[in-house]
Amino acid sequence: MLSLGAEFEVLDAPTAAPAPAPAPSPPPAGAAQPLRKSLVNGSLGLIIALGGLLGAHPGRLAAVQVAVAAYLIFELLQAGLARIHATSRPHRPLAGALAVVAGVVGLIPDGADQALAAPILAILGGLLALAAPSLAQKADSKLPPASADLAMDPQFSKLLLGNLLILAGAMLPWSSEARGVETILGSLLLVFCLLAIFASWVGMNRTWAMPVVSGGLLGMVLLITPVEGLMVGVFGIVRLFATTGPDSALKVHTWWPGTTDTLTHGLPIFLVIAASLWSLTTVIQGTMKGVAAQKKRKEEEVAARKVARASKDEKKA
């Protein structure tokens, strides 16, 4: 037997260094995840600002306040705590900034007795929404990586904002005695706006009720609403400069009785017209894209059938 000698020393095999733990990967899109404090505080700030704007004194620039209020509702539905699918990103800074601006507008004196508490709440809520990412940075850094957001339909998202703005402008006074919805056309516009808001919300989130929007008459409301909004807005402009004399052939001064002021009653009218144009353009663009996609799909099907027919003919030959 071979001797290893007295100087031989048995060495232990070197142990490998432990491999570094892999970095945690974000969960799949739409997976359950903890709430980010930045999102929570941002949404709460926008809700406070929304309450302040809705409760503010309806001064001469009320159209600015209700337009921002409509945008805050849109932001909460699309990217805040009112969103259907889980999200982790904070609110856009634009929402908080607009809330502050609208609150400052509510502090502008207009010669009437106005309470200042509501616009101050709008300012404070907007500031909270703006500061939310910084205030929650330490707490959010301890949470695991966030999952990707589920995609929202951009066309229906734009329509939701447009219809909210139409509704906001139509609900304001268009004369000293009547709001924009207090006519036959205005009442129809109010109903169509509510239906269009519902349809846009369903389409944006792709909810289980999507067939009602894509395959039913409710989808037509998305086109009818901005068309009627433009019609009512044009009559509103005529009323804005109409007189009670014989030169006002349309007699629209009887639709919205009382006196009119260009700034107070004109801004809501132009808001309805601008939002209707926005919505109508979005509907037309979406329709054109859908027609183009359907045409391309049919062309691909025809090409596939031709290829299949040619291969059959070659096999027979």
Protein backbone atom coordinates (compact mmCIF):
# COMPACT_ATOMS: atom_id res chain seq x y z
CA MET A 1 0.00 0.00 0.00
CA LEU A 2 1.38 3.36 -1.00
CA SER A 3 2.38 5.60 1.95
CA LEU A 4 1.58 9.29 1.71
CA GLY A 5 4.36 10.29 4.11
CA ALA A 6 4.35 12.08 7.43
CA GLU A 7 4.22 15.53 5.86
CA PHE A 8 0.95 14.90 4.06
CA GLU A 9 -1.92 17.16 5.23
CA VAL A 10 -5.54 16.69 4.30
CA LEU A 11 -7.17 19.94 3.23
CA ASP A 12 -10.91 20.55 3.23
CA ALA A 13 -12.46 21.38 -0.12
CA PRO A 14 -13.04 25.16 -0.48
CA THR A 15 -16.67 26.15 0.03
CA ALA A 16 -18.22 28.35 -2.61
CA ALA A 17 -19.35 31.80 -1.57
CA PRO A 18 -23.13 32.05 -1.26
CA ALA A 19 -24.72 33.49 -4.40
CA PRO A 20 -26.33 36.88 -3.92
CA ALA A 21 -30.07 36.78 -3.53
CA PRO A 22 -31.81 37.74 -6.77
CA ALA A 23 -33.48 41.10 -6.80
CA PRO A 24 -37.21 40.79 -6.26
CA SER A 25 -39.05 40.97 -9.56
CA PRO A 26 -42.25 42.96 -9.88
CA PRO A 27 -45.46 40.93 -9.86
CA PRO A 28 -47.38 40.47 -13.12
CA ALA A 29 -49.58 43.25 -14.41
CA GLY A 30 -52.78 43.68 -12.43
CA ALA A 31 -51.59 41.54 -9.50
CA ALA A 32 -52.63 42.38 -5.95
CA GLN A 33 -50.15 44.72 -4.29
CA PRO A 34 -49.98 46.99 -1.25
CA LEU A 35 -51.31 50.49 -1.58
CA ARG A 36 -48.72 53.16 -2.13
CA LYS A 37 -48.98 55.96 0.39
CA SER A 38 -48.22 58.49 -2.33
CA LEU A 39 -51.30 57.33 -4.26
CA VAL A 40 -53.51 57.29 -1.17
CA ASN A 41 -52.51 60.78 -0.02
CA GLY A 42 -52.75 62.12 -3.56
CA SER A 43 -56.28 60.80 -4.04
CA LEU A 44 -57.40 62.09 -0.64
CA GLY A 45 -55.99 65.51 -1.51
CA LEU A 46 -57.87 65.56 -4.82
CA ILE A 47 -61.10 64.51 -3.09
CA ILE A 48 -60.71 67.37 -0.60
CA ALA A 49 -60.03 69.76 -3.47
CA LEU A 50 -63.05 68.44 -5.36
CA GLY A 51 -65.30 69.08 -2.38
CA GLY A 52 -63.95 72.61 -2.10
CA LEU A 53 -64.54 73.35 -5.77
CA LEU A 54 -68.06 71.95 -5.79
CA GLY A 55 -68.91 73.98 -2.69
CA ALA A 56 -67.32 77.22 -3.85
CA HIS A 57 -69.34 80.35 -4.51
CA PRO A 58 -70.46 80.36 -8.19
CA GLY A 59 -68.75 83.58 -9.18
CA ARG A 60 -68.03 84.98 -12.60
CA LEU A 61 -65.31 82.39 -13.22
CA ALA A 62 -67.36 79.42 -12.06
CA ALA A 63 -66.70 77.70 -15.39
CA VAL A 64 -63.02 77.41 -14.47
CA GLN A 65 -63.88 75.78 -11.14
CA VAL A 66 -66.33 73.23 -12.55
CA ALA A 67 -64.00 72.39 -15.43
CA VAL A 68 -61.21 71.60 -12.96
CA ALA A 69 -63.69 69.66 -10.81
CA ALA A 70 -64.59 67.55 -13.86
CA TYR A 71 -60.90 66.91 -14.50
CA LEU A 72 -60.35 65.85 -10.87
CA ILE A 73 -63.20 63.34 -11.17
CA PHE A 74 -61.59 62.05 -14.36
CA GLU A 75 -58.20 61.75 -12.64
CA LEU A 76 -59.67 59.84 -9.70
CA LEU A 77 -61.52 57.45 -12.01
CA GLN A 78 -58.60 56.86 -14.35
CA ALA A 79 -55.56 56.91 -12.08
CA GLY A 80 -56.69 57.24 -8.46
CA LEU A 81 -58.42 55.25 -5.74
CA ALA A 82 -61.63 55.21 -7.81
CA ARG A 83 -59.86 53.24 -10.55
CA ILE A 84 -61.09 49.65 -11.09
CA HIS A 85 -57.75 47.99 -11.77
CA ALA A 86 -54.88 48.20 -9.31
CA THR A 87 -52.30 50.93 -9.82
CA SER A 88 -49.23 52.09 -7.94
CA ARG A 89 -48.11 55.27 -9.66
CA PRO A 90 -48.89 58.60 -8.00
CA HIS A 91 -51.24 61.14 -9.47
CA ARG A 92 -50.16 63.49 -12.20
CA PRO A 93 -48.88 66.80 -10.79
CA LEU A 94 -51.24 68.57 -13.23
CA ALA A 95 -54.29 67.56 -11.17
CA GLY A 96 -53.00 69.11 -7.95
CA ALA A 97 -51.75 72.22 -9.75
CA LEU A 98 -55.13 72.80 -11.42
CA ALA A 99 -56.88 72.38 -8.06
CA VAL A 100 -54.67 75.10 -6.55
CA VAL A 101 -55.31 77.44 -9.49
CA ALA A 102 -59.08 76.87 -9.34
CA GLY A 103 -59.03 77.50 -5.59
CA VAL A 104 -57.20 80.80 -6.12
CA VAL A 105 -59.81 81.73 -8.74
CA GLY A 106 -62.49 81.18 -6.10
CA LEU A 107 -60.79 83.73 -3.85
CA ILE A 108 -61.10 86.51 -6.43
CA PRO A 109 -63.74 88.96 -5.16
CA ASP A 110 -66.69 89.45 -7.50
CA GLY A 111 -68.83 91.86 -5.51
CA ALA A 112 -71.02 89.17 -3.92
CA ASP A 113 -71.01 87.64 -0.47
CA GLN A 114 -68.76 84.65 -0.95
CA ALA A 115 -67.50 82.13 1.59
CA LEU A 116 -63.75 81.59 1.45
CA ALA A 117 -63.66 78.23 3.21
CA ALA A 118 -64.44 76.20 0.07
CA PRO A 119 -61.71 77.67 -2.18
CA ILE A 120 -59.20 77.41 0.67
CA LEU A 121 -60.05 73.71 0.98
CA ALA A 122 -59.48 73.35 -2.77
CA ILE A 123 -56.04 74.95 -2.41
CA LEU A 124 -55.09 72.79 0.57
CA GLY A 125 -56.27 69.63 -1.18
CA GLY A 126 -54.30 70.51 -4.29
CA LEU A 127 -51.17 71.18 -2.25
CA LEU A 128 -51.56 67.82 -0.48
CA ALA A 129 -51.85 66.07 -3.85
CA LEU A 130 -48.72 67.84 -5.10
CA ALA A 131 -46.71 67.00 -1.98
CA ALA A 132 -47.94 63.38 -1.72
CA PRO A 133 -44.99 61.73 -3.57
CA SER A 134 -42.42 63.55 -1.42
CA LEU A 135 -44.24 62.94 1.86
CA ALA A 136 -44.59 59.21 1.15
CA GLN A 137 -41.17 58.58 -0.37
CA LYS A 138 -39.74 56.89 2.76
CA ALA A 139 -42.79 54.70 3.36
CA ASP A 140 -43.12 53.63 -0.28
CA SER A 141 -39.42 52.76 -0.55
CA LYS A 142 -39.97 49.85 1.89
CA LEU A 143 -42.59 48.22 -0.32
CA PRO A 144 -41.81 45.58 -2.97
CA PRO A 145 -41.55 46.58 -6.62
CA ALA A 146 -44.84 47.59 -8.15
CA SER A 147 -46.49 45.64 -10.93
CA ALA A 148 -47.22 47.23 -14.26
CA ASP A 149 -50.58 48.89 -14.71
CA LEU A 150 -53.18 47.22 -16.87
CA ALA A 151 -53.64 49.27 -20.02
CA MET A 152 -56.61 51.61 -20.16
CA ASP A 153 -58.31 52.28 -23.49
CA PRO A 154 -57.04 55.75 -24.56
CA GLN A 155 -59.99 56.55 -26.83
CA PHE A 156 -62.65 55.93 -24.18
CA SER A 157 -60.46 57.71 -21.63
CA LYS A 158 -60.54 60.88 -23.75
CA LEU A 159 -64.27 60.51 -24.24
CA LEU A 160 -64.80 60.24 -20.49
CA LEU A 161 -63.00 63.54 -19.94
CA GLY A 162 -64.83 65.23 -22.80
CA ASN A 163 -68.28 64.17 -21.62
CA LEU A 164 -67.53 65.19 -18.04
CA LEU A 165 -66.58 68.67 -19.30
CA ILE A 166 -69.76 68.90 -21.42
CA LEU A 167 -71.84 68.03 -18.36
CA ALA A 168 -69.96 70.57 -16.23
CA GLY A 169 -70.57 73.42 -18.66
CA ALA A 170 -74.22 72.53 -19.27
CA MET A 171 -75.03 72.51 -15.55
CA LEU A 172 -73.90 76.13 -15.10
CA PRO A 173 -76.16 79.20 -15.62
CA TRP A 174 -76.39 80.35 -19.24
CA SER A 175 -78.42 83.39 -18.21
CA SER A 176 -79.39 85.09 -14.98
CA GLU A 177 -82.42 82.81 -14.57
CA ALA A 178 -81.66 79.47 -16.25
CA ARG A 179 -78.96 76.87 -16.56
CA GLY A 180 -77.83 75.35 -19.81
CA VAL A 181 -79.86 72.17 -19.26
CA GLU A 182 -83.15 74.01 -18.67
CA THR A 183 -84.44 73.66 -22.24
CA ILE A 184 -85.78 70.69 -24.19
CA LEU A 185 -82.44 70.23 -25.96
CA GLY A 186 -80.58 70.85 -22.71
CA SER A 187 -82.55 68.16 -20.89
CA LEU A 188 -81.76 65.69 -23.66
CA LEU A 189 -78.11 66.72 -23.53
CA LEU A 190 -78.04 66.03 -19.78
CA VAL A 191 -79.38 62.49 -20.30
CA PHE A 192 -77.04 61.83 -23.22
CA CYS A 193 -74.07 63.11 -21.17
CA LEU A 194 -74.81 60.71 -18.33
CA LEU A 195 -75.19 57.81 -20.76
CA ALA A 196 -71.96 58.77 -22.56
CA ILE A 197 -70.06 59.06 -19.27
CA PHE A 198 -71.22 55.57 -18.32
CA ALA A 199 -70.33 54.16 -21.75
CA SER A 200 -66.89 55.83 -21.67
CA TRP A 201 -66.18 54.48 -18.19
CA VAL A 202 -67.17 50.94 -19.22
CA GLY A 203 -65.08 51.15 -22.39
CA MET A 204 -62.07 52.64 -20.66
CA ASN A 205 -61.93 49.80 -18.12
CA ARG A 206 -63.10 47.03 -20.47
CA THR A 207 -65.60 45.85 -17.86
CA TRP A 208 -67.98 42.91 -18.20
CA ALA A 209 -70.60 45.33 -19.60
CA MET A 210 -68.43 46.13 -22.65
CA PRO A 211 -70.81 44.41 -25.16
CA VAL A 212 -73.44 47.01 -24.27
CA VAL A 213 -71.13 49.74 -25.53
CA SER A 214 -69.57 48.01 -28.51
CA GLY A 215 -72.60 46.21 -29.86
CA GLY A 216 -75.65 48.16 -28.74
CA LEU A 217 -77.31 51.51 -29.27
CA LEU A 218 -75.42 52.90 -26.27
CA GLY A 219 -72.35 53.19 -28.48
CA MET A 220 -74.23 55.64 -30.71
CA VAL A 221 -74.66 57.94 -27.71
CA LEU A 222 -70.91 58.62 -27.83
CA LEU A 223 -71.49 60.26 -31.22
CA ILE A 224 -74.87 61.85 -30.48
CA THR A 225 -73.72 63.60 -27.29
CA PRO A 226 -71.02 65.87 -28.81
CA VAL A 227 -73.20 66.60 -31.84
CA GLU A 228 -76.05 67.79 -29.65
CA GLY A 229 -73.56 69.59 -27.40
CA LEU A 230 -72.40 71.60 -30.41
CA MET A 231 -76.01 72.33 -31.37
CA VAL A 232 -76.97 73.52 -27.89
CA GLY A 233 -73.72 75.51 -27.66
CA VAL A 234 -74.44 77.35 -30.93
CA PHE A 235 -77.92 78.28 -29.68
CA GLY A 236 -76.28 79.40 -26.45
CA ILE A 237 -73.99 81.77 -28.34
CA VAL A 238 -76.99 83.18 -30.20
CA ARG A 239 -78.75 83.68 -26.85
CA LEU A 240 -75.69 85.37 -25.42
CA PHE A 241 -75.99 88.19 -27.95
CA ALA A 242 -79.73 88.00 -28.59
CA THR A 243 -82.15 90.78 -27.81
CA THR A 244 -85.87 90.72 -27.09
CA GLY A 245 -86.63 92.70 -30.23
CA PRO A 246 -87.78 91.51 -33.65
CA ASP A 247 -84.18 90.94 -34.79
CA SER A 248 -83.94 87.79 -32.66
CA ALA A 249 -85.77 85.51 -35.10
CA LEU A 250 -84.89 82.33 -33.24
CA LYS A 251 -86.44 83.66 -30.01
CA VAL A 252 -83.73 81.90 -28.01
CA HIS A 253 -84.00 84.62 -25.37
CA THR A 254 -87.13 82.81 -24.19
CA TRP A 255 -85.27 79.51 -23.88
CA TRP A 256 -82.92 80.91 -21.25
CA PRO A 257 -84.82 83.84 -19.71
CA GLY A 258 -83.19 86.74 -17.94
CA THR A 259 -80.14 88.83 -18.69
CA THR A 260 -76.78 87.54 -19.84
CA ASP A 261 -73.18 88.43 -19.06
CA THR A 262 -70.45 87.55 -21.54
CA LEU A 263 -67.98 86.32 -18.92
CA THR A 264 -70.32 84.70 -16.42
CA HIS A 265 -72.63 83.02 -18.94
CA GLY A 266 -70.31 82.87 -21.94
CA LEU A 267 -67.54 80.71 -20.43
CA PRO A 268 -69.87 77.73 -19.73
CA ILE A 269 -71.17 77.90 -23.31
CA PHE A 270 -67.68 77.89 -24.80
CA LEU A 271 -66.70 75.08 -22.42
CA VAL A 272 -69.53 72.92 -23.81
CA ILE A 273 -68.54 73.73 -27.40
CA ALA A 274 -64.83 73.02 -26.82
CA ALA A 275 -65.52 69.75 -24.99
CA SER A 276 -67.99 68.68 -27.70
CA LEU A 277 -65.40 69.31 -30.41
CA TRP A 278 -62.86 67.30 -28.39
CA SER A 279 -65.25 64.36 -28.01
CA LEU A 280 -66.44 64.47 -31.61
CA THR A 281 -62.86 64.51 -32.92
CA THR A 282 -62.00 61.55 -30.69
CA VAL A 283 -65.01 59.57 -31.94
CA ILE A 284 -64.17 60.28 -35.59
CA GLN A 285 -60.50 59.35 -35.13
CA GLY A 286 -61.42 56.15 -33.33
CA THR A 287 -63.93 55.22 -36.02
CA MET A 288 -61.39 55.80 -38.79
CA LYS A 289 -58.80 53.67 -36.97
CA GLY A 290 -61.37 50.92 -36.48
CA VAL A 291 -62.36 50.95 -40.16
CA ALA A 292 -58.70 50.85 -41.20
CA ALA A 293 -57.97 47.94 -38.84
CA GLN A 294 -61.00 46.01 -40.11
CA LYS A 295 -59.96 46.63 -43.72
CA LYS A 296 -56.44 45.42 -43.00
CA ARG A 297 -57.78 42.31 -41.28
CA LYS A 298 -59.98 41.47 -44.28
CA GLU A 299 -57.04 41.94 -46.64
CA GLU A 300 -54.94 39.58 -44.54
CA GLU A 301 -57.74 36.99 -44.56
CA VAL A 302 -58.09 37.24 -48.35
CA ALA A 303 -54.30 36.89 -48.77
CA ALA A 304 -54.26 33.85 -46.47
CA ARG A 305 -57.05 32.19 -48.48
CA LYS A 306 -55.19 32.84 -51.72
CA VAL A 307 -52.04 31.26 -50.31
CA ALA A 308 -54.02 28.22 -49.09
CA ARG A 309 -55.74 27.86 -52.49
CA ALA A 310 -52.42 28.10 -54.33
CA SER A 311 -50.86 25.42 -52.13
CA LYS A 312 -53.81 23.12 -52.81
CA ASP A 313 -53.47 23.64 -56.56
CA GLU A 314 -49.75 22.79 -56.36
CA LYS A 315 -50.46 19.55 -54.52
CA LYS A 316 -53.06 18.53 -57.13
CA ALA A 317 -50.62 19.27 -59.93
